[in-house]
Amino acid sequence: MFMDFIRNNKIAAGILTFVRLYLGWSWMTAGWGKITGEEGFNAAGYLNGVVANEMVMEQYPTYHAFIESFALPNAGIFSFMVAWGEFLVGLGLLLGILTTAAAFFGIMMNFAFMFAGTISSNPFMILLTIFILAAGYNAGRIGGDRWVIPYIRTVLFRGKLKGAGLESQTV
């Protein structure tokens, strides 16, 4: 009953719009600050802190190894990906365009930050993002998804959804 409400109800779409706008603004401003910062964003200091964190090493040894052996040596690429990733997730959520994709990548970044030992607002953002993901299309109904998703389904995937069980889903 709740899933039907959150996925199909217009009132739920309105409530989710406010949640989406809050999350979008949070992500976009965080990313924009990193992109336009005077000194430029560099994740190397943060990544070094993750490597030095014994709790991360104990609790998430595979993640620790990934940060130490892959992310830290490529800190420049990760700095770019974090800054622009945050900004684009925020923009997608604010505009309601590819909302579930933006929410998915946002929640992945939240979890990555939490695995690294950063709590901050991440648990709250994860909780809100779960509602966006559960709502699917309805979360972006009052936004660009109203036009983008039907375009993707009819023009880009013309006839390719048949047999996948997706052709009967309505927008």
C-alpha atoms as a PDB file:
ATOM      1  CA  MET A   1       0.000   0.000   0.000  1.00  0.00           C
ATOM      2  CA  PHE A   2       2.789   2.436   0.882  1.00  0.00           C
ATOM      3  CA  MET A   3       4.757   1.501  -2.249  1.00  0.00           C
ATOM      4  CA  ASP A   4       1.694   2.128  -4.401  1.00  0.00           C
ATOM      5  CA  PHE A   5       1.295   5.533  -2.741  1.00  0.00           C
ATOM      6  CA  ILE A   6       4.922   6.568  -3.121  1.00  0.00           C
ATOM      7  CA  ARG A   7       5.211   5.293  -6.707  1.00  0.00           C
ATOM      8  CA  ASN A   8       1.881   6.483  -8.152  1.00  0.00           C
ATOM      9  CA  ASN A   9       0.205   9.170  -6.044  1.00  0.00           C
ATOM     10  CA  LYS A  10       0.326  12.814  -7.165  1.00  0.00           C
ATOM     11  CA  ILE A  11       0.449  14.038  -3.554  1.00  0.00           C
ATOM     12  CA  ALA A  12       3.463  11.811  -2.988  1.00  0.00           C
ATOM     13  CA  ALA A  13       5.015  13.323  -6.129  1.00  0.00           C
ATOM     14  CA  GLY A  14       4.602  16.767  -4.572  1.00  0.00           C
ATOM     15  CA  ILE A  15       6.147  15.711  -1.266  1.00  0.00           C
ATOM     16  CA  LEU A  16       8.994  13.970  -3.080  1.00  0.00           C
ATOM     17  CA  THR A  17       9.635  17.129  -5.069  1.00  0.00           C
ATOM     18  CA  PHE A  18      10.515  18.972  -1.870  1.00  0.00           C
ATOM     19  CA  VAL A  19      12.743  16.107  -0.730  1.00  0.00           C
ATOM     20  CA  ARG A  20      14.389  16.019  -4.164  1.00  0.00           C
ATOM     21  CA  LEU A  21      14.965  19.780  -4.162  1.00  0.00           C
ATOM     22  CA  TYR A  22      16.536  19.682  -0.696  1.00  0.00           C
ATOM     23  CA  LEU A  23      18.875  16.853  -1.664  1.00  0.00           C
ATOM     24  CA  GLY A  24      19.644  18.442  -5.023  1.00  0.00           C
ATOM     25  CA  TRP A  25      20.536  21.770  -3.467  1.00  0.00           C
ATOM     26  CA  SER A  26      22.759  20.046  -0.897  1.00  0.00           C
ATOM     27  CA  TRP A  27      24.644  18.103  -3.565  1.00  0.00           C
ATOM     28  CA  MET A  28      24.879  20.927  -6.074  1.00  0.00           C
ATOM     29  CA  THR A  29      26.223  23.508  -3.632  1.00  0.00           C
ATOM     30  CA  ALA A  30      28.772  21.033  -2.254  1.00  0.00           C
ATOM     31  CA  GLY A  31      30.002  20.257  -5.756  1.00  0.00           C
ATOM     32  CA  TRP A  32      29.952  23.869  -6.912  1.00  0.00           C
ATOM     33  CA  GLY A  33      32.059  24.888  -3.926  1.00  0.00           C
ATOM     34  CA  LYS A  34      34.648  22.299  -4.889  1.00  0.00           C
ATOM     35  CA  ILE A  35      34.597  23.242  -8.584  1.00  0.00           C
ATOM     36  CA  THR A  36      34.912  26.999  -8.042  1.00  0.00           C
ATOM     37  CA  GLY A  37      37.105  27.031  -4.933  1.00  0.00           C
ATOM     38  CA  GLU A  38      40.057  29.417  -5.125  1.00  0.00           C
ATOM     39  CA  GLU A  39      42.655  26.779  -4.357  1.00  0.00           C
ATOM     40  CA  GLY A  40      40.891  24.031  -6.276  1.00  0.00           C
ATOM     41  CA  PHE A  41      39.568  20.898  -4.660  1.00  0.00           C
ATOM     42  CA  ASN A  42      42.119  18.197  -3.914  1.00  0.00           C
ATOM     43  CA  ALA A  43      40.919  14.937  -2.406  1.00  0.00           C
ATOM     44  CA  ALA A  44      44.454  13.757  -1.543  1.00  0.00           C
ATOM     45  CA  GLY A  45      44.298  15.080   2.027  1.00  0.00           C
ATOM     46  CA  TYR A  46      40.952  13.414   2.611  1.00  0.00           C
ATOM     47  CA  LEU A  47      42.148  10.144   1.068  1.00  0.00           C
ATOM     48  CA  ASN A  48      45.299  10.206   3.226  1.00  0.00           C
ATOM     49  CA  GLY A  49      43.041  10.651   6.254  1.00  0.00           C
ATOM     50  CA  VAL A  50      41.001   7.614   5.198  1.00  0.00           C
ATOM     51  CA  VAL A  51      44.163   5.520   4.825  1.00  0.00           C
ATOM     52  CA  ALA A  52      45.371   6.632   8.269  1.00  0.00           C
ATOM     53  CA  ASN A  53      42.015   5.824   9.910  1.00  0.00           C
ATOM     54  CA  GLU A  54      42.478   2.544  11.774  1.00  0.00           C
ATOM     55  CA  MET A  55      38.729   1.979  12.094  1.00  0.00           C
ATOM     56  CA  VAL A  56      38.356   2.029   8.305  1.00  0.00           C
ATOM     57  CA  MET A  57      41.232  -0.436   8.058  1.00  0.00           C
ATOM     58  CA  GLU A  58      39.606  -2.761  10.605  1.00  0.00           C
ATOM     59  CA  GLN A  59      35.981  -2.517   9.502  1.00  0.00           C
ATOM     60  CA  TYR A  60      36.372  -2.211   5.730  1.00  0.00           C
ATOM     61  CA  PRO A  61      39.730  -3.741   4.741  1.00  0.00           C
ATOM     62  CA  THR A  62      38.799  -4.078   1.054  1.00  0.00           C
ATOM     63  CA  TYR A  63      37.635  -0.465   0.860  1.00  0.00           C
ATOM     64  CA  HIS A  64      40.797   0.622   2.690  1.00  0.00           C
ATOM     65  CA  ALA A  65      42.926  -1.287   0.174  1.00  0.00           C
ATOM     66  CA  PHE A  66      41.015   0.330  -2.710  1.00  0.00           C
ATOM     67  CA  ILE A  67      41.590   3.824  -1.306  1.00  0.00           C
ATOM     68  CA  GLU A  68      45.258   3.166  -0.541  1.00  0.00           C
ATOM     69  CA  SER A  69      46.267   1.407  -3.750  1.00  0.00           C
ATOM     70  CA  PHE A  70      43.958   2.950  -6.344  1.00  0.00           C
ATOM     71  CA  ALA A  71      42.199   6.133  -5.237  1.00  0.00           C
ATOM     72  CA  LEU A  72      45.138   7.836  -3.503  1.00  0.00           C
ATOM     73  CA  PRO A  73      47.569   7.384  -6.417  1.00  0.00           C
ATOM     74  CA  ASN A  74      44.848   8.799  -8.684  1.00  0.00           C
ATOM     75  CA  ALA A  75      43.755  11.596  -6.350  1.00  0.00           C
ATOM     76  CA  GLY A  76      43.544  14.116  -9.180  1.00  0.00           C
ATOM     77  CA  ILE A  77      41.014  12.034 -11.090  1.00  0.00           C
ATOM     78  CA  PHE A  78      39.063  11.346  -7.906  1.00  0.00           C
ATOM     79  CA  SER A  79      39.043  15.060  -7.044  1.00  0.00           C
ATOM     80  CA  PHE A  80      37.524  15.811 -10.448  1.00  0.00           C
ATOM     81  CA  MET A  81      35.004  12.960 -10.158  1.00  0.00           C
ATOM     82  CA  VAL A  82      33.867  13.951  -6.653  1.00  0.00           C
ATOM     83  CA  ALA A  83      33.464  17.652  -7.435  1.00  0.00           C
ATOM     84  CA  TRP A  84      31.651  17.173 -10.735  1.00  0.00           C
ATOM     85  CA  GLY A  85      29.778  14.100  -9.478  1.00  0.00           C
ATOM     86  CA  GLU A  86      28.326  16.059  -6.566  1.00  0.00           C
ATOM     87  CA  PHE A  87      27.408  18.957  -8.837  1.00  0.00           C
ATOM     88  CA  LEU A  88      25.759  16.776 -11.508  1.00  0.00           C
ATOM     89  CA  VAL A  89      23.849  14.676  -8.971  1.00  0.00           C
ATOM     90  CA  GLY A  90      22.547  17.913  -7.489  1.00  0.00           C
ATOM     91  CA  LEU A  91      21.620  19.329 -10.874  1.00  0.00           C
ATOM     92  CA  GLY A  92      19.792  16.134 -11.849  1.00  0.00           C
ATOM     93  CA  LEU A  93      17.824  16.149  -8.595  1.00  0.00           C
ATOM     94  CA  LEU A  94      17.043  19.869  -8.751  1.00  0.00           C
ATOM     95  CA  LEU A  95      15.787  19.678 -12.331  1.00  0.00           C
ATOM     96  CA  GLY A  96      14.148  16.295 -11.843  1.00  0.00           C
ATOM     97  CA  ILE A  97      15.991  14.910 -14.855  1.00  0.00           C
ATOM     98  CA  LEU A  98      17.083  11.262 -14.670  1.00  0.00           C
ATOM     99  CA  THR A  99      16.081  11.494 -11.039  1.00  0.00           C
ATOM    100  CA  THR A 100      16.565   7.865 -10.076  1.00  0.00           C
ATOM    101  CA  ALA A 101      20.001   7.748 -11.734  1.00  0.00           C
ATOM    102  CA  ALA A 102      21.040  10.925  -9.918  1.00  0.00           C
ATOM    103  CA  ALA A 103      19.703   9.553  -6.635  1.00  0.00           C
ATOM    104  CA  PHE A 104      21.534   6.263  -7.187  1.00  0.00           C
ATOM    105  CA  PHE A 105      24.883   7.975  -7.764  1.00  0.00           C
ATOM    106  CA  GLY A 106      24.238  10.293  -4.825  1.00  0.00           C
ATOM    107  CA  ILE A 107      23.551   7.420  -2.459  1.00  0.00           C
ATOM    108  CA  MET A 108      26.682   5.647  -3.730  1.00  0.00           C
ATOM    109  CA  MET A 109      28.759   8.726  -2.863  1.00  0.00           C
ATOM    110  CA  ASN A 110      27.078   8.931   0.560  1.00  0.00           C
ATOM    111  CA  PHE A 111      27.995   5.320   1.276  1.00  0.00           C
ATOM    112  CA  ALA A 112      31.558   5.852   0.022  1.00  0.00           C
ATOM    113  CA  PHE A 113      31.942   8.794   2.394  1.00  0.00           C
ATOM    114  CA  MET A 114      30.529   6.744   5.264  1.00  0.00           C
ATOM    115  CA  PHE A 115      32.830   3.790   4.541  1.00  0.00           C
ATOM    116  CA  ALA A 116      35.666   6.299   4.682  1.00  0.00           C
ATOM    117  CA  GLY A 117      34.643   7.234   8.227  1.00  0.00           C
ATOM    118  CA  THR A 118      32.827  10.490   7.449  1.00  0.00           C
ATOM    119  CA  ILE A 119      29.415  10.695   9.078  1.00  0.00           C
ATOM    120  CA  SER A 120      28.295  14.321   8.634  1.00  0.00           C
ATOM    121  CA  SER A 121      24.883  14.550   6.936  1.00  0.00           C
ATOM    122  CA  ASN A 122      25.375  11.313   4.983  1.00  0.00           C
ATOM    123  CA  PRO A 123      22.993   9.060   6.992  1.00  0.00           C
ATOM    124  CA  PHE A 124      20.190  11.621   6.727  1.00  0.00           C
ATOM    125  CA  MET A 125      20.790  12.058   3.002  1.00  0.00           C
ATOM    126  CA  ILE A 126      20.779   8.272   2.528  1.00  0.00           C
ATOM    127  CA  LEU A 127      17.465   7.994   4.351  1.00  0.00           C
ATOM    128  CA  LEU A 128      15.859  10.646   2.151  1.00  0.00           C
ATOM    129  CA  THR A 129      17.379   9.202  -1.010  1.00  0.00           C
ATOM    130  CA  ILE A 130      15.865   5.791  -0.274  1.00  0.00           C
ATOM    131  CA  PHE A 131      12.423   7.378  -0.682  1.00  0.00           C
ATOM    132  CA  ILE A 132      13.460   8.927  -4.005  1.00  0.00           C
ATOM    133  CA  LEU A 133      14.745   5.566  -5.257  1.00  0.00           C
ATOM    134  CA  ALA A 134      11.666   3.684  -4.039  1.00  0.00           C
ATOM    135  CA  ALA A 135       9.383   6.188  -5.767  1.00  0.00           C
ATOM    136  CA  GLY A 136      11.098   5.764  -9.117  1.00  0.00           C
ATOM    137  CA  TYR A 137       9.533   7.874 -11.855  1.00  0.00           C
ATOM    138  CA  ASN A 138       7.082   9.527  -9.439  1.00  0.00           C
ATOM    139  CA  ALA A 139       9.966  11.339  -7.717  1.00  0.00           C
ATOM    140  CA  GLY A 140      10.710  13.235 -10.934  1.00  0.00           C
ATOM    141  CA  ARG A 141       7.139  13.556 -12.169  1.00  0.00           C
ATOM    142  CA  ILE A 142       7.102  17.237 -11.170  1.00  0.00           C
ATOM    143  CA  GLY A 143      10.295  17.942 -13.058  1.00  0.00           C
ATOM    144  CA  GLY A 144      12.073  17.191 -16.287  1.00  0.00           C
ATOM    145  CA  ASP A 145      11.442  13.459 -16.070  1.00  0.00           C
ATOM    146  CA  ARG A 146       7.873  14.195 -17.124  1.00  0.00           C
ATOM    147  CA  TRP A 147       9.279  14.766 -20.640  1.00  0.00           C
ATOM    148  CA  VAL A 148      12.663  13.037 -20.585  1.00  0.00           C
ATOM    149  CA  ILE A 149      11.550   9.546 -19.515  1.00  0.00           C
ATOM    150  CA  PRO A 150       8.793   9.226 -22.179  1.00  0.00           C
ATOM    151  CA  TYR A 151      11.292  10.483 -24.774  1.00  0.00           C
ATOM    152  CA  ILE A 152      13.845   7.889 -23.733  1.00  0.00           C
ATOM    153  CA  ARG A 153      11.253   5.116 -23.750  1.00  0.00           C
ATOM    154  CA  THR A 154       9.691   5.971 -27.105  1.00  0.00           C
ATOM    155  CA  VAL A 155      12.526   7.430 -29.165  1.00  0.00           C
ATOM    156  CA  LEU A 156      15.770   5.996 -27.864  1.00  0.00           C
ATOM    157  CA  PHE A 157      14.451   2.522 -27.000  1.00  0.00           C
ATOM    158  CA  ARG A 158      11.888   2.287 -29.811  1.00  0.00           C
ATOM    159  CA  GLY A 159      10.823  -1.350 -29.907  1.00  0.00           C
ATOM    160  CA  LYS A 160      13.801  -2.521 -27.842  1.00  0.00           C
ATOM    161  CA  LEU A 161      11.807  -2.894 -24.613  1.00  0.00           C
ATOM    162  CA  LYS A 162       9.533  -5.587 -26.030  1.00  0.00           C
ATOM    163  CA  GLY A 163      10.255  -8.922 -24.457  1.00  0.00           C
ATOM    164  CA  ALA A 164      11.954  -7.296 -21.479  1.00  0.00           C
ATOM    165  CA  GLY A 165       8.651  -6.889 -19.663  1.00  0.00           C
ATOM    166  CA  LEU A 166       8.977  -3.103 -19.698  1.00  0.00           C
ATOM    167  CA  GLU A 167       6.725  -2.237 -22.634  1.00  0.00           C
ATOM    168  CA  SER A 168       3.586  -2.235 -20.510  1.00  0.00           C
ATOM    169  CA  GLN A 169       4.845   0.201 -17.887  1.00  0.00           C
ATOM    170  CA  THR A 170       3.085   3.520 -18.059  1.00  0.00           C
ATOM    171  CA  VAL A 171       4.496   6.910 -17.437  1.00  0.00           C
END
